[in-house]
Amino acid sequence: MKKIVTFILILQTISAGLSFACSCTPKSVQEYFTQADIVFTGEVLELSKEGEYGLKATLKPLKLYKGMYNKILTVMTIDRTKAPGLCGYSFAKNEKVLVYGNGNVNTDAFSTDICRGTKSLSDAQEDLKELEKGFEVLKDK
């Protein structure tokens, strides 16, 4: 009986952990691009903690594909190292990234996560090929 109870507790623990896992619907590069307010490659200059799970990354843009910006951009996300079940992005200092962001183009402050397509440049080669080809932004009707 003790073994059965232990087994049930283990299953409940595993299923509870899985129920909070991040789940993203895969999209094409064009869909990520169209849904973003800004798309750029950048280098992470600084990181700071924002609350329990928040992460504020200051980036130097390297190449702009969509949107406008000044010399420095601020990107907010959830730190996946602190909350692995959430869909944020864990920026690392000096990391080069491809960011699909949403937010206020007038303040250069944006948010992003892995479900919006943001990824390390080392994992973004296919995206970059598509972005370099270029495509027209689809307008919402």
Protein backbone atom coordinates (compact mmCIF):
# COMPACT_ATOMS: atom_id res chain seq x y z
CA MET A 1 0.00 0.00 0.00
CA LYS A 2 2.83 2.38 0.87
CA LYS A 3 4.37 1.81 -2.58
CA ILE A 4 1.09 2.67 -4.32
CA VAL A 5 0.69 5.90 -2.33
CA THR A 6 4.29 6.87 -3.09
CA PHE A 7 3.76 6.13 -6.80
CA ILE A 8 0.59 8.26 -6.87
CA LEU A 9 2.39 11.15 -5.14
CA ILE A 10 5.22 10.97 -7.67
CA LEU A 11 2.74 11.01 -10.58
CA GLN A 12 0.89 13.99 -9.09
CA THR A 13 4.17 15.87 -8.63
CA ILE A 14 5.22 15.20 -12.23
CA SER A 15 1.82 16.12 -13.67
CA ALA A 16 1.68 19.32 -11.57
CA GLY A 17 5.06 20.35 -12.93
CA LEU A 18 4.03 19.61 -16.49
CA SER A 19 0.79 21.56 -16.18
CA PHE A 20 2.80 24.75 -15.69
CA ALA A 21 5.20 24.13 -18.57
CA CYS A 22 5.48 26.72 -21.30
CA SER A 23 3.69 25.71 -24.47
CA CYS A 24 4.16 27.73 -27.65
CA THR A 25 2.42 27.32 -30.97
CA PRO A 26 5.11 27.08 -33.67
CA LYS A 27 4.97 29.92 -36.19
CA SER A 28 6.73 30.88 -39.37
CA VAL A 29 9.36 33.62 -39.39
CA GLN A 30 6.88 35.80 -41.28
CA GLU A 31 4.25 35.29 -38.56
CA TYR A 32 6.74 36.20 -35.81
CA PHE A 33 7.81 39.22 -37.87
CA THR A 34 4.27 40.39 -38.59
CA GLN A 35 3.17 40.11 -34.95
CA ALA A 36 6.21 42.01 -33.60
CA ASP A 37 6.54 45.77 -33.18
CA ILE A 38 10.32 45.51 -33.51
CA VAL A 39 12.67 42.85 -34.89
CA PHE A 40 16.42 43.19 -34.48
CA THR A 41 19.64 41.45 -33.66
CA GLY A 42 21.45 42.81 -30.63
CA GLU A 43 24.10 42.26 -28.01
CA VAL A 44 23.18 42.11 -24.33
CA LEU A 45 25.08 44.84 -22.46
CA GLU A 46 23.51 44.67 -19.00
CA LEU A 47 21.06 42.54 -17.04
CA SER A 48 19.07 43.38 -13.94
CA LYS A 49 16.50 41.53 -11.89
CA GLU A 50 12.97 42.96 -11.87
CA GLY A 51 10.90 41.46 -9.08
CA GLU A 52 10.96 37.74 -8.34
CA TYR A 53 11.01 36.43 -11.92
CA GLY A 54 11.48 39.49 -14.11
CA LEU A 55 14.60 40.15 -16.14
CA LYS A 56 15.49 43.49 -17.70
CA ALA A 57 18.05 43.32 -20.49
CA THR A 58 19.76 46.35 -22.02
CA LEU A 59 20.77 45.64 -25.60
CA LYS A 60 22.86 47.35 -28.22
CA PRO A 61 21.10 46.82 -31.57
CA LEU A 62 23.27 45.33 -34.31
CA LYS A 63 20.78 45.14 -37.18
CA LEU A 64 17.18 46.30 -37.47
CA TYR A 65 14.65 44.35 -39.52
CA LYS A 66 11.47 46.09 -38.35
CA GLY A 67 10.62 49.11 -36.20
CA MET A 68 12.60 52.10 -34.96
CA TYR A 69 15.03 52.55 -32.10
CA ASN A 70 17.70 54.75 -30.60
CA LYS A 71 21.16 53.50 -29.67
CA ILE A 72 20.09 51.31 -26.73
CA LEU A 73 16.97 49.16 -26.19
CA THR A 74 15.46 47.77 -23.00
CA VAL A 75 13.78 44.38 -23.20
CA MET A 76 11.72 42.89 -20.36
CA THR A 77 11.03 39.18 -19.98
CA ILE A 78 10.64 36.38 -17.45
CA ASP A 79 13.93 34.76 -16.45
CA ARG A 80 13.53 31.08 -17.35
CA THR A 81 16.37 30.15 -14.98
CA LYS A 82 14.15 31.41 -12.12
CA ALA A 83 10.82 30.23 -13.58
CA PRO A 84 11.51 27.39 -16.06
CA GLY A 85 7.81 26.66 -16.57
CA LEU A 86 7.15 30.14 -17.92
CA CYS A 87 7.81 31.26 -21.49
CA GLY A 88 10.32 34.06 -20.89
CA TYR A 89 13.81 34.24 -22.36
CA SER A 90 16.96 33.96 -20.24
CA PHE A 91 19.27 36.59 -21.68
CA ALA A 92 22.97 36.25 -20.86
CA LYS A 93 25.44 39.14 -20.68
CA ASN A 94 27.35 39.61 -23.98
CA GLU A 95 24.98 37.18 -25.72
CA LYS A 96 23.97 38.05 -29.27
CA VAL A 97 20.28 37.50 -29.90
CA LEU A 98 17.50 37.85 -32.43
CA VAL A 99 14.62 39.65 -30.73
CA TYR A 100 11.00 39.75 -31.83
CA GLY A 101 9.59 42.34 -29.42
CA ASN A 102 6.36 44.09 -28.62
CA GLY A 103 5.92 47.36 -26.81
CA ASN A 104 6.34 51.09 -27.07
CA VAL A 105 8.51 52.20 -29.97
CA ASN A 106 8.61 55.73 -28.53
CA THR A 107 10.33 54.66 -25.30
CA ASP A 108 12.57 51.91 -26.71
CA ALA A 109 11.13 49.52 -24.09
CA PHE A 110 9.87 46.16 -25.28
CA SER A 111 8.90 42.74 -23.98
CA THR A 112 9.63 39.35 -25.45
CA ASP A 113 9.66 35.62 -24.76
CA ILE A 114 10.42 32.35 -26.53
CA CYS A 115 6.85 32.13 -27.87
CA ARG A 116 7.41 35.35 -29.84
CA GLY A 117 10.43 33.81 -31.59
CA THR A 118 13.30 35.42 -29.65
CA LYS A 119 16.42 33.24 -29.66
CA SER A 120 20.20 33.23 -29.50
CA LEU A 121 21.88 34.16 -32.80
CA SER A 122 23.51 30.73 -32.80
CA ASP A 123 19.99 29.24 -33.06
CA ALA A 124 18.61 31.86 -35.45
CA GLN A 125 20.28 31.03 -38.76
CA GLU A 126 17.07 29.96 -40.50
CA ASP A 127 15.24 33.05 -39.22
CA LEU A 128 18.06 35.32 -40.40
CA LYS A 129 18.00 33.79 -43.90
CA GLU A 130 14.27 34.56 -44.12
CA LEU A 131 14.65 38.05 -42.67
CA GLU A 132 17.48 38.85 -45.08
CA LYS A 133 15.23 37.89 -48.02
CA GLY A 134 12.65 40.33 -46.71
CA PHE A 135 8.88 40.21 -47.04
CA GLU A 136 5.96 42.57 -46.83
CA VAL A 137 4.30 42.98 -43.46
CA LEU A 138 0.75 41.65 -43.53
CA LYS A 139 -1.80 44.23 -42.42
CA ASP A 140 -4.56 43.33 -39.98
CA LYS A 141 -7.98 43.70 -41.56
